[in-house]
Amino acid sequence: MAKLFTPVTLGGVTLNNRIVMSPMCMYSCMQEDGKVTPFHMTHYVSRAVGQAGLIMTEAAAVQPEGRISHQDLGIWSDDHVEGLKELNKEMHTYGAKTAIQLAHAGRKAQVQSSIYAPSAVPFNDQFKTPVEMSTEDIQTTIQAFKDAAKRSKLADFDIIEIHAAHGYLINQFLSPLTNKRSDEYGGTRENRYLFLKQIIEAVQTEWTGPIFVRISTDEYHQDGNTLDDFIYFSTKMQEQGITLIDCSSGGVVPAKIHPYPGYQLKRCEAIKQEANIATGAVGLITSGLQAEEIVQNERADLVFIGRSLLRNPYWPKAAADELGIELEAPTQYKRGWK
């Protein structure tokens, strides 16, 4: 049987297969309250019916000022738990495991309130200048991630992913392009890692399940972090007990990226080998053959599927057909499955 469709256990949680629905912002909280809507129920549950092994929800903001937009999902309040729990109940019905991505946009937040970052440097001319975070602000945000982890447990998620990629707040602390601090949170890469280190420690006080971390493995700038830096960060995360590194790229500073199928895979492979940690591959993975090659050759442990799952909620079925695998149909769809 194709390895893509074999179960895999990560941190004590077993996925039916190695296909992950990648977290993708839907900008669909029309009341600006961060709560789950009927759209979210349809969107995510249909991918669970489609038999992705793991469904990861879009970035959920741990603080209201950390939203990418006013339409983002939230987990900054106990009021968010009920809707997320109902969403998990439905997704679990179809055999999928579920994950939530805990996020803070930092200087890339597009909200009416003040926005925050490690340093008072705007993303570009169209973005606000952020407030440089005080030590107290930093501790408040770390506490927000801890509280979000507690709510994630109450909402019955199986896995947490910490969003440290795409130029959002944690990524801003990690990168010398955006972190100009002179205190213990800035300067050396050891210091730049401290914010993420403390977030992981805080989350682990409330959460005993698997924790993934998404990072940008290439900042597309000569003065940004190098692959060696990312291997260093990943090794530190492995030592802290992180289960898997979700290897994306970009977003730290404005840059022209020329993507092609699997364009982020080489760095993903290097991190898996050098940091001795499980990885997830993401980036224009569109076919079953491509996904199978990645996991069969142990280039990554999971494949994160984004746009292809937007186009087709039943992408796992299409991948199985391509690989000659007979994927068990949901009872309701057996008549039309072949």
C-alpha atoms as a PDB file:
ATOM      1  CA  MET A   1       0.000   0.000   0.000  1.00  0.00           C
ATOM      2  CA  ALA A   2       1.154   3.507  -0.705  1.00  0.00           C
ATOM      3  CA  LYS A   3       2.850   4.971   2.366  1.00  0.00           C
ATOM      4  CA  LEU A   4       0.768   8.148   1.995  1.00  0.00           C
ATOM      5  CA  PHE A   5      -2.274   6.156   3.123  1.00  0.00           C
ATOM      6  CA  THR A   6      -0.691   4.281   6.021  1.00  0.00           C
ATOM      7  CA  PRO A   7      -1.377   5.417   9.599  1.00  0.00           C
ATOM      8  CA  VAL A   8       1.269   7.398  11.441  1.00  0.00           C
ATOM      9  CA  THR A   9       1.555   8.127  15.161  1.00  0.00           C
ATOM     10  CA  LEU A  10       3.021  11.442  16.286  1.00  0.00           C
ATOM     11  CA  GLY A  11       3.234  12.318  19.956  1.00  0.00           C
ATOM     12  CA  GLY A  12       0.712   9.654  20.858  1.00  0.00           C
ATOM     13  CA  VAL A  13      -1.894  10.723  18.277  1.00  0.00           C
ATOM     14  CA  THR A  14      -2.488   8.359  15.351  1.00  0.00           C
ATOM     15  CA  LEU A  15      -3.551   9.810  11.995  1.00  0.00           C
ATOM     16  CA  ASN A  16      -5.324   7.572   9.488  1.00  0.00           C
ATOM     17  CA  ASN A  17      -3.011   8.813   6.750  1.00  0.00           C
ATOM     18  CA  ARG A  18      -0.265  11.390   6.168  1.00  0.00           C
ATOM     19  CA  ILE A  19      -2.431  14.011   4.458  1.00  0.00           C
ATOM     20  CA  VAL A  20      -2.896  17.253   6.377  1.00  0.00           C
ATOM     21  CA  MET A  21      -5.222  20.091   5.478  1.00  0.00           C
ATOM     22  CA  SER A  22      -2.862  23.040   5.719  1.00  0.00           C
ATOM     23  CA  PRO A  23      -4.032  26.026   7.821  1.00  0.00           C
ATOM     24  CA  MET A  24      -5.453  28.695   5.508  1.00  0.00           C
ATOM     25  CA  CYS A  25      -7.141  31.913   6.610  1.00  0.00           C
ATOM     26  CA  MET A  26     -10.772  32.081   5.533  1.00  0.00           C
ATOM     27  CA  TYR A  27     -11.594  35.634   6.736  1.00  0.00           C
ATOM     28  CA  SER A  28     -15.142  34.529   7.485  1.00  0.00           C
ATOM     29  CA  CYS A  29     -16.010  35.787  10.991  1.00  0.00           C
ATOM     30  CA  MET A  30     -18.475  38.375   9.782  1.00  0.00           C
ATOM     31  CA  GLN A  31     -19.396  39.580  13.284  1.00  0.00           C
ATOM     32  CA  GLU A  32     -15.716  40.356  13.977  1.00  0.00           C
ATOM     33  CA  ASP A  33     -16.016  38.275  17.152  1.00  0.00           C
ATOM     34  CA  GLY A  34     -13.670  35.453  16.163  1.00  0.00           C
ATOM     35  CA  LYS A  35     -16.374  32.820  16.545  1.00  0.00           C
ATOM     36  CA  VAL A  36     -17.003  29.780  14.356  1.00  0.00           C
ATOM     37  CA  THR A  37     -19.649  30.388  11.674  1.00  0.00           C
ATOM     38  CA  PRO A  38     -21.757  28.040   9.516  1.00  0.00           C
ATOM     39  CA  PHE A  39     -19.149  28.496   6.780  1.00  0.00           C
ATOM     40  CA  HIS A  40     -16.427  27.051   9.017  1.00  0.00           C
ATOM     41  CA  MET A  41     -18.616  24.054   9.817  1.00  0.00           C
ATOM     42  CA  THR A  42     -19.176  23.321   6.123  1.00  0.00           C
ATOM     43  CA  HIS A  43     -15.617  24.085   5.079  1.00  0.00           C
ATOM     44  CA  TYR A  44     -13.739  21.970   7.606  1.00  0.00           C
ATOM     45  CA  VAL A  45     -16.209  19.126   8.050  1.00  0.00           C
ATOM     46  CA  SER A  46     -16.336  18.516   4.285  1.00  0.00           C
ATOM     47  CA  ARG A  47     -12.568  17.948   4.288  1.00  0.00           C
ATOM     48  CA  ALA A  48     -12.983  15.493   7.160  1.00  0.00           C
ATOM     49  CA  VAL A  49     -15.604  13.638   5.101  1.00  0.00           C
ATOM     50  CA  GLY A  50     -13.048  13.757   2.270  1.00  0.00           C
ATOM     51  CA  GLN A  51     -10.678  11.759   4.528  1.00  0.00           C
ATOM     52  CA  ALA A  52      -7.727  14.019   5.146  1.00  0.00           C
ATOM     53  CA  GLY A  53      -5.923  12.447   8.094  1.00  0.00           C
ATOM     54  CA  LEU A  54      -5.497  15.742   9.946  1.00  0.00           C
ATOM     55  CA  ILE A  55      -7.583  18.886   9.582  1.00  0.00           C
ATOM     56  CA  MET A  56      -5.798  22.026  10.790  1.00  0.00           C
ATOM     57  CA  THR A  57      -7.941  25.097  11.261  1.00  0.00           C
ATOM     58  CA  GLU A  58      -6.829  28.511  10.134  1.00  0.00           C
ATOM     59  CA  ALA A  59      -4.801  30.834  12.352  1.00  0.00           C
ATOM     60  CA  ALA A  60      -6.715  31.520  15.565  1.00  0.00           C
ATOM     61  CA  ALA A  61      -5.631  34.730  17.272  1.00  0.00           C
ATOM     62  CA  VAL A  62      -4.545  34.462  20.910  1.00  0.00           C
ATOM     63  CA  GLN A  63      -5.206  38.188  21.417  1.00  0.00           C
ATOM     64  CA  PRO A  64      -7.702  40.418  19.578  1.00  0.00           C
ATOM     65  CA  GLU A  65      -4.920  42.816  18.550  1.00  0.00           C
ATOM     66  CA  GLY A  66      -3.073  39.808  17.095  1.00  0.00           C
ATOM     67  CA  ARG A  67      -5.613  39.140  14.358  1.00  0.00           C
ATOM     68  CA  ILE A  68      -4.464  39.356  10.765  1.00  0.00           C
ATOM     69  CA  SER A  69      -7.880  40.862  10.060  1.00  0.00           C
ATOM     70  CA  HIS A  70     -11.113  41.507  11.950  1.00  0.00           C
ATOM     71  CA  GLN A  71     -12.583  38.443  10.196  1.00  0.00           C
ATOM     72  CA  ASP A  72     -10.100  35.961  11.730  1.00  0.00           C
ATOM     73  CA  LEU A  73     -10.988  33.103  14.045  1.00  0.00           C
ATOM     74  CA  GLY A  74     -10.133  33.732  17.675  1.00  0.00           C
ATOM     75  CA  ILE A  75      -9.160  31.805  20.767  1.00  0.00           C
ATOM     76  CA  TRP A  76      -8.508  34.789  23.033  1.00  0.00           C
ATOM     77  CA  SER A  77     -11.754  34.275  24.973  1.00  0.00           C
ATOM     78  CA  ASP A  78     -13.611  31.437  26.684  1.00  0.00           C
ATOM     79  CA  ASP A  79     -16.517  32.450  24.437  1.00  0.00           C
ATOM     80  CA  HIS A  80     -14.718  30.810  21.512  1.00  0.00           C
ATOM     81  CA  VAL A  81     -14.615  27.336  23.035  1.00  0.00           C
ATOM     82  CA  GLU A  82     -18.211  26.266  22.375  1.00  0.00           C
ATOM     83  CA  GLY A  83     -18.109  26.787  18.616  1.00  0.00           C
ATOM     84  CA  LEU A  84     -14.704  25.155  18.239  1.00  0.00           C
ATOM     85  CA  LYS A  85     -15.821  22.183  20.328  1.00  0.00           C
ATOM     86  CA  GLU A  86     -18.870  21.673  18.120  1.00  0.00           C
ATOM     87  CA  LEU A  87     -16.627  21.905  15.045  1.00  0.00           C
ATOM     88  CA  ASN A  88     -14.314  19.250  16.485  1.00  0.00           C
ATOM     89  CA  LYS A  89     -17.227  16.972  17.302  1.00  0.00           C
ATOM     90  CA  GLU A  90     -18.309  17.018  13.664  1.00  0.00           C
ATOM     91  CA  MET A  91     -14.814  16.531  12.244  1.00  0.00           C
ATOM     92  CA  HIS A  92     -14.075  13.654  14.626  1.00  0.00           C
ATOM     93  CA  THR A  93     -17.274  11.929  13.481  1.00  0.00           C
ATOM     94  CA  TYR A  94     -15.588  11.170  10.151  1.00  0.00           C
ATOM     95  CA  GLY A  95     -12.334   9.819  11.597  1.00  0.00           C
ATOM     96  CA  ALA A  96     -10.162  12.903  11.152  1.00  0.00           C
ATOM     97  CA  LYS A  97      -7.835  14.172  13.823  1.00  0.00           C
ATOM     98  CA  THR A  98      -7.871  17.931  14.362  1.00  0.00           C
ATOM     99  CA  ALA A  99      -5.380  20.696  15.056  1.00  0.00           C
ATOM    100  CA  ILE A 100      -5.602  24.391  15.827  1.00  0.00           C
ATOM    101  CA  GLN A 101      -2.990  26.920  14.786  1.00  0.00           C
ATOM    102  CA  LEU A 102      -2.338  29.439  17.569  1.00  0.00           C
ATOM    103  CA  ALA A 103      -1.261  32.750  16.111  1.00  0.00           C
ATOM    104  CA  HIS A 104      -0.452  36.401  16.656  1.00  0.00           C
ATOM    105  CA  ALA A 105       0.076  38.652  13.634  1.00  0.00           C
ATOM    106  CA  GLY A 106       2.324  41.207  15.326  1.00  0.00           C
ATOM    107  CA  ARG A 107       3.198  44.027  12.943  1.00  0.00           C
ATOM    108  CA  LYS A 108       1.150  42.400  10.144  1.00  0.00           C
ATOM    109  CA  ALA A 109      -2.125  42.778  12.047  1.00  0.00           C
ATOM    110  CA  GLN A 110      -4.684  44.839  10.144  1.00  0.00           C
ATOM    111  CA  VAL A 111      -7.013  45.877  12.944  1.00  0.00           C
ATOM    112  CA  GLN A 112      -8.229  49.209  14.303  1.00  0.00           C
ATOM    113  CA  SER A 113      -6.373  48.992  17.617  1.00  0.00           C
ATOM    114  CA  SER A 114      -2.667  49.481  18.227  1.00  0.00           C
ATOM    115  CA  ILE A 115      -0.512  46.668  16.923  1.00  0.00           C
ATOM    116  CA  TYR A 116       2.618  45.213  18.510  1.00  0.00           C
ATOM    117  CA  ALA A 117       5.994  43.863  17.437  1.00  0.00           C
ATOM    118  CA  PRO A 118       9.481  43.257  18.845  1.00  0.00           C
ATOM    119  CA  SER A 119      10.583  46.544  17.255  1.00  0.00           C
ATOM    120  CA  ALA A 120       8.762  49.622  15.966  1.00  0.00           C
ATOM    121  CA  VAL A 121       9.368  48.836  12.279  1.00  0.00           C
ATOM    122  CA  PRO A 122       6.357  48.614   9.906  1.00  0.00           C
ATOM    123  CA  PHE A 123       6.056  45.813   7.351  1.00  0.00           C
ATOM    124  CA  ASN A 124       5.758  48.335   4.505  1.00  0.00           C
ATOM    125  CA  ASP A 125       4.276  51.760   3.749  1.00  0.00           C
ATOM    126  CA  GLN A 126       0.727  50.380   3.793  1.00  0.00           C
ATOM    127  CA  PHE A 127       0.971  48.992   7.325  1.00  0.00           C
ATOM    128  CA  LYS A 128       0.864  50.773  10.671  1.00  0.00           C
ATOM    129  CA  THR A 129       4.008  51.327  12.658  1.00  0.00           C
ATOM    130  CA  PRO A 130       3.767  48.839  15.520  1.00  0.00           C
ATOM    131  CA  VAL A 131       4.352  49.562  19.196  1.00  0.00           C
ATOM    132  CA  GLU A 132       7.617  48.040  20.396  1.00  0.00           C
ATOM    133  CA  MET A 133       6.649  45.473  22.995  1.00  0.00           C
ATOM    134  CA  SER A 134       7.725  46.044  26.572  1.00  0.00           C
ATOM    135  CA  THR A 135       8.812  43.128  28.748  1.00  0.00           C
ATOM    136  CA  GLU A 136       5.355  43.291  30.314  1.00  0.00           C
ATOM    137  CA  ASP A 137       3.712  43.112  26.860  1.00  0.00           C
ATOM    138  CA  ILE A 138       5.835  40.059  26.055  1.00  0.00           C
ATOM    139  CA  GLN A 139       4.820  38.277  29.251  1.00  0.00           C
ATOM    140  CA  THR A 140       1.151  39.121  28.630  1.00  0.00           C
ATOM    141  CA  THR A 141       1.366  37.595  25.152  1.00  0.00           C
ATOM    142  CA  ILE A 142       3.094  34.460  26.439  1.00  0.00           C
ATOM    143  CA  GLN A 143       0.257  34.112  28.938  1.00  0.00           C
ATOM    144  CA  ALA A 144      -2.213  34.516  26.059  1.00  0.00           C
ATOM    145  CA  PHE A 145      -0.659  31.537  24.257  1.00  0.00           C
ATOM    146  CA  LYS A 146      -0.877  29.541  27.497  1.00  0.00           C
ATOM    147  CA  ASP A 147      -4.559  30.440  27.930  1.00  0.00           C
ATOM    148  CA  ALA A 148      -5.215  29.580  24.283  1.00  0.00           C
ATOM    149  CA  ALA A 149      -3.663  26.140  24.815  1.00  0.00           C
ATOM    150  CA  LYS A 150      -6.019  25.550  27.754  1.00  0.00           C
ATOM    151  CA  ARG A 151      -9.012  26.537  25.614  1.00  0.00           C
ATOM    152  CA  SER A 152      -7.778  24.302  22.791  1.00  0.00           C
ATOM    153  CA  LYS A 153      -7.877  21.366  25.190  1.00  0.00           C
ATOM    154  CA  LEU A 154     -11.385  22.291  26.337  1.00  0.00           C
ATOM    155  CA  ALA A 155     -12.449  22.450  22.664  1.00  0.00           C
ATOM    156  CA  ASP A 156     -11.190  18.865  22.085  1.00  0.00           C
ATOM    157  CA  PHE A 157      -8.410  19.486  19.567  1.00  0.00           C
ATOM    158  CA  ASP A 158      -5.891  16.652  19.148  1.00  0.00           C
ATOM    159  CA  ILE A 159      -2.872  18.766  18.166  1.00  0.00           C
ATOM    160  CA  ILE A 160      -1.701  22.351  18.607  1.00  0.00           C
ATOM    161  CA  GLU A 161       0.427  24.171  16.045  1.00  0.00           C
ATOM    162  CA  ILE A 162       2.255  27.333  17.093  1.00  0.00           C
ATOM    163  CA  HIS A 163       2.474  29.763  14.174  1.00  0.00           C
ATOM    164  CA  ALA A 164       6.067  31.013  14.010  1.00  0.00           C
ATOM    165  CA  ALA A 165       6.149  31.635  10.244  1.00  0.00           C
ATOM    166  CA  HIS A 166       5.117  34.067   7.507  1.00  0.00           C
ATOM    167  CA  GLY A 167       6.377  37.185   9.228  1.00  0.00           C
ATOM    168  CA  TYR A 168       3.904  37.079  12.105  1.00  0.00           C
ATOM    169  CA  LEU A 169       4.836  37.936  15.692  1.00  0.00           C
ATOM    170  CA  ILE A 170       6.947  34.929  16.703  1.00  0.00           C
ATOM    171  CA  ASN A 171       8.703  35.013  13.324  1.00  0.00           C
ATOM    172  CA  GLN A 172       9.376  38.725  13.916  1.00  0.00           C
ATOM    173  CA  PHE A 173      11.215  37.864  17.134  1.00  0.00           C
ATOM    174  CA  LEU A 174      13.202  35.092  15.419  1.00  0.00           C
ATOM    175  CA  SER A 175      14.396  37.200  12.486  1.00  0.00           C
ATOM    176  CA  PRO A 176      17.219  39.760  12.572  1.00  0.00           C
ATOM    177  CA  LEU A 177      15.339  41.605   9.818  1.00  0.00           C
ATOM    178  CA  THR A 178      12.541  42.529  12.218  1.00  0.00           C
ATOM    179  CA  ASN A 179      14.027  42.130  15.697  1.00  0.00           C
ATOM    180  CA  LYS A 180      16.195  45.150  16.525  1.00  0.00           C
ATOM    181  CA  ARG A 181      15.970  44.776  20.302  1.00  0.00           C
ATOM    182  CA  SER A 182      18.956  45.188  22.627  1.00  0.00           C
ATOM    183  CA  ASP A 183      17.519  43.285  25.609  1.00  0.00           C
ATOM    184  CA  GLU A 184      17.440  39.541  26.308  1.00  0.00           C
ATOM    185  CA  TYR A 185      14.939  39.040  23.446  1.00  0.00           C
ATOM    186  CA  GLY A 186      17.167  40.506  20.728  1.00  0.00           C
ATOM    187  CA  GLY A 187      20.644  40.320  19.234  1.00  0.00           C
ATOM    188  CA  THR A 188      22.019  36.778  19.084  1.00  0.00           C
ATOM    189  CA  ARG A 189      19.981  33.948  17.674  1.00  0.00           C
ATOM    190  CA  GLU A 190      19.884  32.467  21.170  1.00  0.00           C
ATOM    191  CA  ASN A 191      18.190  35.638  22.388  1.00  0.00           C
ATOM    192  CA  ARG A 192      15.883  35.855  19.370  1.00  0.00           C
ATOM    193  CA  TYR A 193      14.708  32.315  20.125  1.00  0.00           C
ATOM    194  CA  LEU A 194      13.802  33.172  23.746  1.00  0.00           C
ATOM    195  CA  PHE A 195      10.248  34.386  22.986  1.00  0.00           C
ATOM    196  CA  LEU A 196       9.342  31.156  21.171  1.00  0.00           C
ATOM    197  CA  LYS A 197      11.113  29.105  23.842  1.00  0.00           C
ATOM    198  CA  GLN A 198       8.993  30.679  26.571  1.00  0.00           C
ATOM    199  CA  ILE A 199       5.780  30.297  24.549  1.00  0.00           C
ATOM    200  CA  ILE A 200       6.490  26.575  24.116  1.00  0.00           C
ATOM    201  CA  GLU A 201       7.148  26.211  27.841  1.00  0.00           C
ATOM    202  CA  ALA A 202       3.923  28.051  28.676  1.00  0.00           C
ATOM    203  CA  VAL A 203       1.841  25.979  26.251  1.00  0.00           C
ATOM    204  CA  GLN A 204       3.306  22.765  27.663  1.00  0.00           C
ATOM    205  CA  THR A 205       2.005  23.628  31.139  1.00  0.00           C
ATOM    206  CA  GLU A 206      -1.551  23.338  29.778  1.00  0.00           C
ATOM    207  CA  TRP A 207      -1.141  20.862  26.915  1.00  0.00           C
ATOM    208  CA  THR A 208       0.284  17.325  26.987  1.00  0.00           C
ATOM    209  CA  GLY A 209      -0.510  16.359  23.395  1.00  0.00           C
ATOM    210  CA  PRO A 210       1.561  16.839  20.233  1.00  0.00           C
ATOM    211  CA  ILE A 211       2.774  20.349  19.416  1.00  0.00           C
ATOM    212  CA  PHE A 212       3.767  21.351  15.885  1.00  0.00           C
ATOM    213  CA  VAL A 213       5.520  24.617  15.021  1.00  0.00           C
ATOM    214  CA  ARG A 214       5.268  26.257  11.598  1.00  0.00           C
ATOM    215  CA  ILE A 215       8.384  28.196  10.580  1.00  0.00           C
ATOM    216  CA  SER A 216       9.483  30.095   7.495  1.00  0.00           C
ATOM    217  CA  THR A 217      12.601  28.217   6.408  1.00  0.00           C
ATOM    218  CA  ASP A 218      13.696  30.928   3.959  1.00  0.00           C
ATOM    219  CA  GLU A 219      13.352  34.683   4.516  1.00  0.00           C
ATOM    220  CA  TYR A 220      14.363  35.565   0.929  1.00  0.00           C
ATOM    221  CA  HIS A 221      16.765  38.265   2.105  1.00  0.00           C
ATOM    222  CA  GLN A 222      20.556  38.179   2.349  1.00  0.00           C
ATOM    223  CA  ASP A 223      20.505  39.585   5.878  1.00  0.00           C
ATOM    224  CA  GLY A 224      17.828  37.228   7.167  1.00  0.00           C
ATOM    225  CA  ASN A 225      18.150  33.939   8.987  1.00  0.00           C
ATOM    226  CA  THR A 226      20.119  31.250   7.146  1.00  0.00           C
ATOM    227  CA  LEU A 227      19.332  27.557   6.862  1.00  0.00           C
ATOM    228  CA  ASP A 228      21.889  27.005   9.615  1.00  0.00           C
ATOM    229  CA  ASP A 229      19.855  29.315  11.866  1.00  0.00           C
ATOM    230  CA  PHE A 230      16.672  27.368  11.130  1.00  0.00           C
ATOM    231  CA  ILE A 231      18.409  24.090  11.900  1.00  0.00           C
ATOM    232  CA  TYR A 232      19.559  25.660  15.193  1.00  0.00           C
ATOM    233  CA  PHE A 233      16.002  26.786  16.049  1.00  0.00           C
ATOM    234  CA  SER A 234      14.612  23.375  15.061  1.00  0.00           C
ATOM    235  CA  THR A 235      17.193  21.555  17.186  1.00  0.00           C
ATOM    236  CA  LYS A 236      16.208  23.712  20.156  1.00  0.00           C
ATOM    237  CA  MET A 237      12.549  22.892  19.542  1.00  0.00           C
ATOM    238  CA  GLN A 238      13.351  19.188  19.320  1.00  0.00           C
ATOM    239  CA  GLU A 239      15.084  19.471  22.695  1.00  0.00           C
ATOM    240  CA  GLN A 240      11.971  21.131  24.103  1.00  0.00           C
ATOM    241  CA  GLY A 241       9.801  18.227  22.985  1.00  0.00           C
ATOM    242  CA  ILE A 242       8.182  19.717  19.882  1.00  0.00           C
ATOM    243  CA  THR A 243       6.694  16.899  17.784  1.00  0.00           C
ATOM    244  CA  LEU A 244       6.985  18.273  14.245  1.00  0.00           C
ATOM    245  CA  ILE A 245       8.257  21.286  12.300  1.00  0.00           C
ATOM    246  CA  ASP A 246       5.876  22.493   9.573  1.00  0.00           C
ATOM    247  CA  CYS A 247       8.265  23.884   6.951  1.00  0.00           C
ATOM    248  CA  SER A 248       6.952  26.851   4.983  1.00  0.00           C
ATOM    249  CA  SER A 249       8.802  30.020   3.879  1.00  0.00           C
ATOM    250  CA  GLY A 250       8.593  33.761   3.303  1.00  0.00           C
ATOM    251  CA  GLY A 251       6.464  36.581   4.681  1.00  0.00           C
ATOM    252  CA  VAL A 252       9.022  38.194   6.963  1.00  0.00           C
ATOM    253  CA  VAL A 253       9.718  41.122   4.664  1.00  0.00           C
ATOM    254  CA  PRO A 254       8.276  42.005   1.242  1.00  0.00           C
ATOM    255  CA  ALA A 255       9.925  39.715  -1.312  1.00  0.00           C
ATOM    256  CA  LYS A 256       9.361  38.263  -4.755  1.00  0.00           C
ATOM    257  CA  ILE A 257       9.027  34.490  -4.492  1.00  0.00           C
ATOM    258  CA  HIS A 258       8.990  32.235  -7.530  1.00  0.00           C
ATOM    259  CA  PRO A 259       7.284  29.049  -6.342  1.00  0.00           C
ATOM    260  CA  TYR A 260       7.338  25.718  -8.144  1.00  0.00           C
ATOM    261  CA  PRO A 261       6.108  22.262  -7.077  1.00  0.00           C
ATOM    262  CA  GLY A 262       7.929  21.273  -3.904  1.00  0.00           C
ATOM    263  CA  TYR A 263       9.961  24.497  -3.783  1.00  0.00           C
ATOM    264  CA  GLN A 264      10.271  24.379   0.018  1.00  0.00           C
ATOM    265  CA  LEU A 265      11.140  20.701   0.223  1.00  0.00           C
ATOM    266  CA  LYS A 266      14.957  20.810   0.277  1.00  0.00           C
ATOM    267  CA  ARG A 267      14.997  22.922   3.434  1.00  0.00           C
ATOM    268  CA  CYS A 268      12.356  20.667   4.958  1.00  0.00           C
ATOM    269  CA  GLU A 269      14.590  17.649   4.275  1.00  0.00           C
ATOM    270  CA  ALA A 270      17.635  19.377   5.764  1.00  0.00           C
ATOM    271  CA  ILE A 271      15.775  20.234   8.967  1.00  0.00           C
ATOM    272  CA  LYS A 272      14.440  16.678   9.308  1.00  0.00           C
ATOM    273  CA  GLN A 273      17.919  15.206   8.909  1.00  0.00           C
ATOM    274  CA  GLU A 274      20.012  17.745  10.799  1.00  0.00           C
ATOM    275  CA  ALA A 275      17.657  18.481  13.705  1.00  0.00           C
ATOM    276  CA  ASN A 276      16.431  14.881  14.018  1.00  0.00           C
ATOM    277  CA  ILE A 277      12.789  15.925  14.135  1.00  0.00           C
ATOM    278  CA  ALA A 278       9.662  15.031  12.186  1.00  0.00           C
ATOM    279  CA  THR A 279       8.705  17.528   9.499  1.00  0.00           C
ATOM    280  CA  GLY A 280       5.737  18.485   7.372  1.00  0.00           C
ATOM    281  CA  ALA A 281       6.206  19.444   3.728  1.00  0.00           C
ATOM    282  CA  VAL A 282       4.079  22.218   2.241  1.00  0.00           C
ATOM    283  CA  GLY A 283       4.124  24.218  -0.984  1.00  0.00           C
ATOM    284  CA  LEU A 284       2.452  23.373  -4.296  1.00  0.00           C
ATOM    285  CA  ILE A 285       2.001  19.686  -3.531  1.00  0.00           C
ATOM    286  CA  THR A 286      -0.780  18.902  -5.976  1.00  0.00           C
ATOM    287  CA  SER A 287      -0.767  15.212  -6.911  1.00  0.00           C
ATOM    288  CA  GLY A 288      -0.842  11.867  -5.188  1.00  0.00           C
ATOM    289  CA  LEU A 289       2.346  10.763  -6.938  1.00  0.00           C
ATOM    290  CA  GLN A 290       4.184  13.847  -5.713  1.00  0.00           C
ATOM    291  CA  ALA A 291       2.937  13.389  -2.143  1.00  0.00           C
ATOM    292  CA  GLU A 292       3.780   9.678  -2.155  1.00  0.00           C
ATOM    293  CA  GLU A 293       7.336  10.353  -3.355  1.00  0.00           C
ATOM    294  CA  ILE A 294       7.861  12.751  -0.444  1.00  0.00           C
ATOM    295  CA  VAL A 295       6.775  10.365   2.310  1.00  0.00           C
ATOM    296  CA  GLN A 296       8.031   7.174   0.631  1.00  0.00           C
ATOM    297  CA  ASN A 297      11.556   8.590   0.455  1.00  0.00           C
ATOM    298  CA  GLU A 298      11.279  10.026   3.988  1.00  0.00           C
ATOM    299  CA  ARG A 299      11.785  13.580   2.781  1.00  0.00           C
ATOM    300  CA  ALA A 300       9.048  14.573   5.250  1.00  0.00           C
ATOM    301  CA  ASP A 301       6.665  12.763   7.583  1.00  0.00           C
ATOM    302  CA  LEU A 302       3.463  14.547   6.571  1.00  0.00           C
ATOM    303  CA  VAL A 303       2.299  16.456   3.510  1.00  0.00           C
ATOM    304  CA  PHE A 304       0.340  19.661   4.082  1.00  0.00           C
ATOM    305  CA  ILE A 305      -2.134  20.272   1.266  1.00  0.00           C
ATOM    306  CA  GLY A 306      -3.474  23.802   0.774  1.00  0.00           C
ATOM    307  CA  ARG A 307      -4.847  25.056  -2.527  1.00  0.00           C
ATOM    308  CA  SER A 308      -5.558  21.561  -3.838  1.00  0.00           C
ATOM    309  CA  LEU A 309      -7.891  20.942  -0.890  1.00  0.00           C
ATOM    310  CA  LEU A 310      -9.602  24.265  -1.545  1.00  0.00           C
ATOM    311  CA  ARG A 311     -10.301  23.127  -5.079  1.00  0.00           C
ATOM    312  CA  ASN A 312     -11.355  19.617  -4.110  1.00  0.00           C
ATOM    313  CA  PRO A 313     -12.480  18.553  -0.616  1.00  0.00           C
ATOM    314  CA  TYR A 314     -12.006  14.966  -1.806  1.00  0.00           C
ATOM    315  CA  TRP A 315      -8.382  15.393  -2.849  1.00  0.00           C
ATOM    316  CA  PRO A 316      -7.404  12.297  -0.805  1.00  0.00           C
ATOM    317  CA  LYS A 317      -9.732  10.233  -3.038  1.00  0.00           C
ATOM    318  CA  ALA A 318      -8.142  11.717  -6.173  1.00  0.00           C
ATOM    319  CA  ALA A 319      -4.672  10.956  -4.763  1.00  0.00           C
ATOM    320  CA  ALA A 320      -5.704   7.395  -3.921  1.00  0.00           C
ATOM    321  CA  ASP A 321      -7.071   6.861  -7.439  1.00  0.00           C
ATOM    322  CA  GLU A 322      -3.805   8.141  -8.893  1.00  0.00           C
ATOM    323  CA  LEU A 323      -1.834   5.695  -6.731  1.00  0.00           C
ATOM    324  CA  GLY A 324      -4.145   2.750  -7.404  1.00  0.00           C
ATOM    325  CA  ILE A 325      -5.326   2.639  -3.794  1.00  0.00           C
ATOM    326  CA  GLU A 326      -8.887   1.705  -2.871  1.00  0.00           C
ATOM    327  CA  LEU A 327      -9.897   4.284  -0.279  1.00  0.00           C
ATOM    328  CA  GLU A 328     -12.858   3.310   1.888  1.00  0.00           C
ATOM    329  CA  ALA A 329     -15.849   5.474   1.039  1.00  0.00           C
ATOM    330  CA  PRO A 330     -18.037   7.221   3.577  1.00  0.00           C
ATOM    331  CA  THR A 331     -21.207   5.092   3.769  1.00  0.00           C
ATOM    332  CA  GLN A 332     -23.337   7.886   2.352  1.00  0.00           C
ATOM    333  CA  TYR A 333     -21.170   8.197  -0.781  1.00  0.00           C
ATOM    334  CA  LYS A 334     -20.452   4.561  -1.665  1.00  0.00           C
ATOM    335  CA  ARG A 335     -22.745   4.603  -4.710  1.00  0.00           C
ATOM    336  CA  GLY A 336     -20.676   7.286  -6.397  1.00  0.00           C
ATOM    337  CA  TRP A 337     -17.199   6.525  -5.051  1.00  0.00           C
ATOM    338  CA  LYS A 338     -15.824   4.439  -7.921  1.00  0.00           C
END
